[in-house]
Amino acid sequence: MSRAAEYATAIVVAIHLLINVVHGVAHREQHVGLAPSGSVFVITVVLILPLVAIALVWAVQERLGLVLLSLSMLASLLFGMYHHFLIISPDHVHSQPAGPWGITFALTAYGLLITEAIGTYVGVYCLRLRELDG
């Protein structure tokens, strides 16, 4: 994989992580909790696995890292889409009261949706390029 692809992958994960931190603060400020299983999913799949994937991409396990990146970002995308946009719950973007933290919650939910879609695409695209190259 090219250095440009490595940098693009790292940037996607870094932006994703930054938006996740802000979204987590908005969750806390809005008093929107997750079930224990949801918290475990977010910590493991949404936060930790993309970082592990990037470490693998930059190390010697590039293919495994790209697969892990693609799968973790896709799983994060589906989880966020379901919780923030499909089911009506305290975690839904339209359930947030007006105000700075409600707006932050909604904007970061959309930001996560976008970065997770891009992250999934970047992972699959880079994996495909790698497979075509050899």
N, C-alpha and C. Protein backbone atom coordinates (compact mmCIF):
# COMPACT_ATOMS: atom_id res chain seq x y z
N MET A 1 0.86 -1.18 0.00
CA MET A 1 0.00 0.00 0.00
C MET A 1 0.90 1.22 0.00
N SER A 2 0.43 2.27 -0.65
CA SER A 2 1.22 3.49 -0.74
C SER A 2 1.19 4.26 0.58
N ARG A 3 2.15 5.12 0.76
CA ARG A 3 2.18 5.99 1.94
C ARG A 3 0.94 6.87 1.98
N ALA A 4 0.48 7.32 0.82
CA ALA A 4 -0.73 8.16 0.77
C ALA A 4 -1.92 7.42 1.35
N ALA A 5 -2.06 6.14 1.00
CA ALA A 5 -3.15 5.33 1.53
C ALA A 5 -3.01 5.14 3.03
N GLU A 6 -1.77 4.94 3.49
CA GLU A 6 -1.54 4.80 4.93
C GLU A 6 -1.93 6.08 5.67
N TYR A 7 -1.52 7.22 5.12
CA TYR A 7 -1.86 8.50 5.74
C TYR A 7 -3.37 8.74 5.72
N ALA A 8 -4.00 8.45 4.60
CA ALA A 8 -5.45 8.64 4.49
C ALA A 8 -6.18 7.77 5.51
N THR A 9 -5.73 6.54 5.65
CA THR A 9 -6.34 5.64 6.62
C THR A 9 -6.16 6.17 8.04
N ALA A 10 -4.96 6.62 8.36
CA ALA A 10 -4.69 7.16 9.69
C ALA A 10 -5.52 8.42 9.96
N ILE A 11 -5.66 9.26 8.97
CA ILE A 11 -6.44 10.49 9.14
C ILE A 11 -7.91 10.16 9.39
N VAL A 12 -8.44 9.23 8.63
CA VAL A 12 -9.84 8.83 8.83
C VAL A 12 -10.06 8.35 10.26
N VAL A 13 -9.15 7.51 10.74
CA VAL A 13 -9.30 6.98 12.09
C VAL A 13 -9.12 8.09 13.12
N ALA A 14 -8.16 8.99 12.89
CA ALA A 14 -7.94 10.09 13.84
C ALA A 14 -9.16 11.01 13.92
N ILE A 15 -9.73 11.34 12.78
CA ILE A 15 -10.93 12.19 12.77
C ILE A 15 -12.09 11.44 13.42
N HIS A 16 -12.22 10.17 13.11
CA HIS A 16 -13.26 9.34 13.71
C HIS A 16 -13.12 9.31 15.23
N LEU A 17 -11.89 9.15 15.71
CA LEU A 17 -11.65 9.12 17.15
C LEU A 17 -11.99 10.46 17.79
N LEU A 18 -11.57 11.55 17.17
CA LEU A 18 -11.86 12.88 17.70
C LEU A 18 -13.37 13.12 17.79
N ILE A 19 -14.09 12.80 16.74
CA ILE A 19 -15.55 12.98 16.75
C ILE A 19 -16.18 12.09 17.82
N ASN A 20 -15.65 10.87 17.99
CA ASN A 20 -16.16 9.97 19.02
C ASN A 20 -15.98 10.54 20.41
N VAL A 21 -14.85 11.16 20.68
CA VAL A 21 -14.60 11.75 22.00
C VAL A 21 -15.62 12.86 22.26
N VAL A 22 -15.82 13.74 21.28
CA VAL A 22 -16.79 14.83 21.45
C VAL A 22 -18.20 14.27 21.59
N HIS A 23 -18.52 13.26 20.81
CA HIS A 23 -19.85 12.64 20.90
C HIS A 23 -20.06 11.99 22.27
N GLY A 24 -19.01 11.38 22.80
CA GLY A 24 -19.09 10.79 24.13
C GLY A 24 -19.35 11.84 25.20
N VAL A 25 -18.71 13.00 25.08
CA VAL A 25 -18.97 14.09 26.01
C VAL A 25 -20.42 14.56 25.88
N ALA A 26 -20.90 14.67 24.65
CA ALA A 26 -22.30 15.07 24.44
C ALA A 26 -23.25 14.04 25.06
N HIS A 27 -22.92 12.76 24.93
CA HIS A 27 -23.72 11.71 25.58
C HIS A 27 -23.81 11.97 27.08
N ARG A 28 -22.66 12.24 27.67
CA ARG A 28 -22.62 12.46 29.12
C ARG A 28 -23.40 13.71 29.50
N GLU A 29 -23.21 14.80 28.77
CA GLU A 29 -23.88 16.06 29.08
C GLU A 29 -25.39 15.97 28.87
N GLN A 30 -25.82 15.16 27.93
CA GLN A 30 -27.25 14.99 27.65
C GLN A 30 -27.86 13.88 28.50
N HIS A 31 -27.04 13.21 29.31
CA HIS A 31 -27.49 12.11 30.17
C HIS A 31 -28.11 10.98 29.34
N VAL A 32 -27.45 10.68 28.22
CA VAL A 32 -27.88 9.59 27.35
C VAL A 32 -26.91 8.43 27.56
N GLY A 33 -27.36 7.45 28.31
CA GLY A 33 -26.52 6.29 28.59
C GLY A 33 -26.75 5.19 27.58
N LEU A 34 -25.84 4.25 27.59
CA LEU A 34 -25.98 3.05 26.76
C LEU A 34 -26.13 1.85 27.68
N ALA A 35 -26.77 0.82 27.16
CA ALA A 35 -26.82 -0.45 27.88
C ALA A 35 -25.39 -0.96 28.02
N PRO A 36 -25.12 -1.79 29.02
CA PRO A 36 -23.76 -2.32 29.17
C PRO A 36 -23.21 -2.97 27.90
N SER A 37 -24.06 -3.71 27.19
CA SER A 37 -23.59 -4.34 25.95
C SER A 37 -23.26 -3.29 24.89
N GLY A 38 -24.03 -2.21 24.85
CA GLY A 38 -23.73 -1.12 23.92
C GLY A 38 -22.43 -0.43 24.26
N SER A 39 -22.17 -0.24 25.55
CA SER A 39 -20.91 0.37 25.98
C SER A 39 -19.72 -0.49 25.61
N VAL A 40 -19.85 -1.80 25.81
CA VAL A 40 -18.77 -2.72 25.45
C VAL A 40 -18.53 -2.67 23.94
N PHE A 41 -19.60 -2.64 23.17
CA PHE A 41 -19.47 -2.56 21.71
C PHE A 41 -18.75 -1.28 21.31
N VAL A 42 -19.17 -0.15 21.86
CA VAL A 42 -18.57 1.13 21.50
C VAL A 42 -17.08 1.15 21.87
N ILE A 43 -16.76 0.73 23.07
CA ILE A 43 -15.35 0.74 23.49
C ILE A 43 -14.51 -0.18 22.63
N THR A 44 -15.03 -1.38 22.37
CA THR A 44 -14.24 -2.38 21.64
C THR A 44 -14.22 -2.12 20.14
N VAL A 45 -15.39 -2.05 19.53
CA VAL A 45 -15.48 -2.01 18.06
C VAL A 45 -15.29 -0.60 17.51
N VAL A 46 -15.90 0.38 18.15
CA VAL A 46 -15.89 1.74 17.62
C VAL A 46 -14.58 2.46 17.96
N LEU A 47 -14.05 2.24 19.15
CA LEU A 47 -12.86 2.99 19.57
C LEU A 47 -11.56 2.20 19.43
N ILE A 48 -11.50 0.99 19.95
CA ILE A 48 -10.23 0.26 20.01
C ILE A 48 -9.86 -0.40 18.68
N LEU A 49 -10.80 -1.11 18.05
CA LEU A 49 -10.45 -1.87 16.84
C LEU A 49 -9.91 -1.02 15.69
N PRO A 50 -10.48 0.18 15.41
CA PRO A 50 -9.86 0.99 14.35
C PRO A 50 -8.41 1.38 14.65
N LEU A 51 -8.11 1.62 15.93
CA LEU A 51 -6.73 1.95 16.31
C LEU A 51 -5.82 0.74 16.14
N VAL A 52 -6.30 -0.42 16.53
CA VAL A 52 -5.54 -1.66 16.31
C VAL A 52 -5.33 -1.88 14.82
N ALA A 53 -6.37 -1.63 14.03
CA ALA A 53 -6.28 -1.81 12.57
C ALA A 53 -5.19 -0.91 11.99
N ILE A 54 -5.16 0.34 12.41
CA ILE A 54 -4.14 1.26 11.89
C ILE A 54 -2.75 0.81 12.31
N ALA A 55 -2.61 0.36 13.55
CA ALA A 55 -1.30 -0.14 13.99
C ALA A 55 -0.86 -1.31 13.12
N LEU A 56 -1.79 -2.20 12.79
CA LEU A 56 -1.46 -3.33 11.92
C LEU A 56 -1.12 -2.88 10.50
N VAL A 57 -1.86 -1.91 9.98
CA VAL A 57 -1.59 -1.40 8.63
C VAL A 57 -0.19 -0.82 8.55
N TRP A 58 0.21 -0.08 9.56
CA TRP A 58 1.54 0.57 9.55
C TRP A 58 2.64 -0.40 9.93
N ALA A 59 2.28 -1.54 10.51
CA ALA A 59 3.27 -2.54 10.88
C ALA A 59 3.37 -3.57 9.77
N VAL A 60 3.50 -4.79 10.14
CA VAL A 60 3.74 -5.83 9.14
C VAL A 60 2.49 -6.59 8.70
N GLN A 61 1.36 -6.31 9.31
CA GLN A 61 0.13 -7.05 9.00
C GLN A 61 -0.87 -6.16 8.24
N GLU A 62 -0.44 -5.63 7.12
CA GLU A 62 -1.25 -4.67 6.37
C GLU A 62 -2.61 -5.24 5.97
N ARG A 63 -2.65 -6.43 5.42
CA ARG A 63 -3.93 -7.01 4.98
C ARG A 63 -4.88 -7.21 6.16
N LEU A 64 -4.40 -7.78 7.24
CA LEU A 64 -5.22 -7.99 8.42
C LEU A 64 -5.73 -6.64 8.96
N GLY A 65 -4.87 -5.64 8.96
CA GLY A 65 -5.27 -4.31 9.41
C GLY A 65 -6.38 -3.71 8.56
N LEU A 66 -6.27 -3.87 7.25
CA LEU A 66 -7.29 -3.34 6.35
C LEU A 66 -8.62 -4.08 6.51
N VAL A 67 -8.55 -5.38 6.69
CA VAL A 67 -9.78 -6.15 6.93
C VAL A 67 -10.41 -5.71 8.23
N LEU A 68 -9.61 -5.57 9.28
CA LEU A 68 -10.12 -5.15 10.58
C LEU A 68 -10.69 -3.73 10.52
N LEU A 69 -10.01 -2.85 9.80
CA LEU A 69 -10.51 -1.48 9.64
C LEU A 69 -11.86 -1.49 8.93
N SER A 70 -11.96 -2.20 7.84
CA SER A 70 -13.21 -2.25 7.07
C SER A 70 -14.35 -2.80 7.91
N LEU A 71 -14.10 -3.89 8.60
CA LEU A 71 -15.16 -4.52 9.40
C LEU A 71 -15.56 -3.68 10.61
N SER A 72 -14.57 -3.10 11.29
CA SER A 72 -14.90 -2.31 12.48
C SER A 72 -15.63 -1.02 12.10
N MET A 73 -15.24 -0.40 11.01
CA MET A 73 -15.92 0.81 10.57
C MET A 73 -17.33 0.49 10.07
N LEU A 74 -17.50 -0.61 9.37
CA LEU A 74 -18.84 -1.00 8.92
C LEU A 74 -19.73 -1.33 10.12
N ALA A 75 -19.21 -2.06 11.08
CA ALA A 75 -20.00 -2.38 12.27
C ALA A 75 -20.36 -1.11 13.04
N SER A 76 -19.42 -0.18 13.13
CA SER A 76 -19.68 1.10 13.80
C SER A 76 -20.76 1.89 13.06
N LEU A 77 -20.67 1.90 11.74
CA LEU A 77 -21.65 2.59 10.91
C LEU A 77 -23.05 2.03 11.14
N LEU A 78 -23.18 0.72 11.12
CA LEU A 78 -24.48 0.09 11.31
C LEU A 78 -25.02 0.33 12.73
N PHE A 79 -24.16 0.26 13.72
CA PHE A 79 -24.55 0.50 15.11
C PHE A 79 -25.05 1.94 15.27
N GLY A 80 -24.27 2.89 14.77
CA GLY A 80 -24.65 4.30 14.88
C GLY A 80 -25.91 4.63 14.10
N MET A 81 -26.03 4.08 12.91
CA MET A 81 -27.22 4.33 12.10
C MET A 81 -28.46 3.82 12.82
N TYR A 82 -28.35 2.65 13.38
CA TYR A 82 -29.48 2.06 14.10
C TYR A 82 -29.85 2.91 15.33
N HIS A 83 -28.88 3.21 16.16
CA HIS A 83 -29.15 3.91 17.43
C HIS A 83 -29.44 5.40 17.27
N HIS A 84 -28.77 6.04 16.34
CA HIS A 84 -28.94 7.50 16.20
C HIS A 84 -30.03 7.91 15.23
N PHE A 85 -30.39 7.03 14.28
CA PHE A 85 -31.28 7.47 13.21
C PHE A 85 -32.51 6.58 12.98
N LEU A 86 -32.46 5.32 13.35
CA LEU A 86 -33.57 4.43 13.02
C LEU A 86 -34.56 4.22 14.16
N ILE A 87 -34.09 3.84 15.32
CA ILE A 87 -35.03 3.59 16.42
C ILE A 87 -35.21 4.86 17.25
N ILE A 88 -36.41 5.04 17.70
CA ILE A 88 -36.70 6.20 18.56
C ILE A 88 -36.32 5.81 19.99
N SER A 89 -35.34 6.51 20.51
CA SER A 89 -34.84 6.25 21.86
C SER A 89 -34.14 7.53 22.33
N PRO A 90 -33.68 7.57 23.56
CA PRO A 90 -32.92 8.74 24.02
C PRO A 90 -31.65 8.97 23.21
N ASP A 91 -31.18 7.95 22.48
CA ASP A 91 -29.96 8.05 21.68
C ASP A 91 -30.22 8.55 20.26
N HIS A 92 -31.47 8.75 19.90
CA HIS A 92 -31.83 9.23 18.56
C HIS A 92 -31.51 10.72 18.45
N VAL A 93 -31.05 11.15 17.29
CA VAL A 93 -30.66 12.56 17.12
C VAL A 93 -31.84 13.51 17.34
N HIS A 94 -33.05 13.08 17.00
CA HIS A 94 -34.20 13.96 17.17
C HIS A 94 -34.77 13.94 18.58
N SER A 95 -34.23 13.10 19.45
CA SER A 95 -34.66 13.06 20.85
C SER A 95 -33.89 14.05 21.71
N GLN A 96 -32.91 14.72 21.12
CA GLN A 96 -32.07 15.63 21.90
C GLN A 96 -32.75 16.99 22.05
N PRO A 97 -32.75 17.52 23.27
CA PRO A 97 -33.33 18.85 23.46
C PRO A 97 -32.48 19.93 22.79
N ALA A 98 -33.13 21.03 22.48
CA ALA A 98 -32.40 22.15 21.87
C ALA A 98 -31.34 22.64 22.84
N GLY A 99 -30.30 23.17 22.32
CA GLY A 99 -29.22 23.70 23.14
C GLY A 99 -27.89 23.24 22.59
N PRO A 100 -26.82 23.79 23.13
CA PRO A 100 -25.48 23.49 22.59
C PRO A 100 -25.13 22.00 22.60
N TRP A 101 -25.44 21.29 23.68
CA TRP A 101 -25.08 19.88 23.73
C TRP A 101 -25.99 19.02 22.86
N GLY A 102 -27.25 19.41 22.71
CA GLY A 102 -28.13 18.70 21.80
C GLY A 102 -27.67 18.84 20.36
N ILE A 103 -27.24 20.04 20.01
CA ILE A 103 -26.70 20.28 18.66
C ILE A 103 -25.40 19.52 18.47
N THR A 104 -24.54 19.57 19.48
CA THR A 104 -23.27 18.84 19.41
C THR A 104 -23.51 17.34 19.24
N PHE A 105 -24.47 16.81 20.01
CA PHE A 105 -24.82 15.39 19.91
C PHE A 105 -25.22 15.05 18.48
N ALA A 106 -26.14 15.83 17.92
CA ALA A 106 -26.63 15.55 16.57
C ALA A 106 -25.53 15.70 15.51
N LEU A 107 -24.76 16.78 15.60
CA LEU A 107 -23.71 17.00 14.61
C LEU A 107 -22.65 15.91 14.66
N THR A 108 -22.27 15.50 15.87
CA THR A 108 -21.26 14.45 15.95
C THR A 108 -21.83 13.10 15.53
N ALA A 109 -23.13 12.86 15.73
CA ALA A 109 -23.74 11.63 15.23
C ALA A 109 -23.66 11.59 13.70
N TYR A 110 -23.95 12.71 13.06
CA TYR A 110 -23.81 12.79 11.60
C TYR A 110 -22.33 12.66 11.19
N GLY A 111 -21.45 13.29 11.95
CA GLY A 111 -20.02 13.19 11.66
C GLY A 111 -19.52 11.76 11.75
N LEU A 112 -20.00 11.03 12.75
CA LEU A 112 -19.62 9.62 12.88
C LEU A 112 -20.14 8.81 11.70
N LEU A 113 -21.36 9.07 11.31
CA LEU A 113 -21.94 8.38 10.16
C LEU A 113 -21.06 8.58 8.92
N ILE A 114 -20.64 9.79 8.71
CA ILE A 114 -19.81 10.11 7.55
C ILE A 114 -18.43 9.48 7.65
N THR A 115 -17.76 9.63 8.81
CA THR A 115 -16.40 9.08 8.93
C THR A 115 -16.41 7.56 8.90
N GLU A 116 -17.46 6.95 9.43
CA GLU A 116 -17.54 5.50 9.39
C GLU A 116 -17.79 4.99 7.97
N ALA A 117 -18.58 5.71 7.22
CA ALA A 117 -18.79 5.34 5.81
C ALA A 117 -17.49 5.50 5.03
N ILE A 118 -16.81 6.62 5.25
CA ILE A 118 -15.52 6.85 4.57
C ILE A 118 -14.50 5.82 5.01
N GLY A 119 -14.45 5.54 6.31
CA GLY A 119 -13.51 4.54 6.83
C GLY A 119 -13.74 3.17 6.23
N THR A 120 -14.99 2.79 6.10
CA THR A 120 -15.32 1.50 5.47
C THR A 120 -14.84 1.50 4.02
N TYR A 121 -15.13 2.58 3.31
CA TYR A 121 -14.72 2.68 1.90
C TYR A 121 -13.19 2.64 1.77
N VAL A 122 -12.51 3.43 2.59
CA VAL A 122 -11.04 3.48 2.51
C VAL A 122 -10.45 2.11 2.79
N GLY A 123 -10.96 1.42 3.81
CA GLY A 123 -10.45 0.09 4.12
C GLY A 123 -10.64 -0.88 2.97
N VAL A 124 -11.85 -0.91 2.41
CA VAL A 124 -12.14 -1.83 1.30
C VAL A 124 -11.35 -1.44 0.05
N TYR A 125 -11.29 -0.15 -0.24
CA TYR A 125 -10.57 0.34 -1.42
C TYR A 125 -9.08 -0.03 -1.34
N CYS A 126 -8.47 0.25 -0.18
CA CYS A 126 -7.05 -0.06 -0.01
C CYS A 126 -6.80 -1.56 -0.05
N LEU A 127 -7.71 -2.33 0.50
CA LEU A 127 -7.59 -3.78 0.47
C LEU A 127 -7.67 -4.28 -0.97
N ARG A 128 -8.58 -3.72 -1.72
CA ARG A 128 -8.71 -4.11 -3.14
C ARG A 128 -7.47 -3.72 -3.93
N LEU A 129 -6.94 -2.52 -3.70
CA LEU A 129 -5.70 -2.11 -4.37
C LEU A 129 -4.56 -3.06 -4.04
N ARG A 130 -4.49 -3.41 -2.78
CA ARG A 130 -3.41 -4.32 -2.34
C ARG A 130 -3.54 -5.67 -3.04
N GLU A 131 -4.77 -6.17 -3.15
CA GLU A 131 -4.98 -7.47 -3.78
C GLU A 131 -4.67 -7.40 -5.28
N LEU A 132 -4.98 -6.27 -5.91
CA LEU A 132 -4.70 -6.12 -7.34
C LEU A 132 -3.21 -6.01 -7.62
N ASP A 133 -2.48 -5.40 -6.67
CA ASP A 133 -1.03 -5.22 -6.84
C ASP A 133 -0.24 -6.50 -6.63
N GLY A 134 -0.84 -7.45 -5.99
CA GLY A 134 -0.03 -8.63 -5.83
C GLY A 134 -0.48 -9.51 -4.77
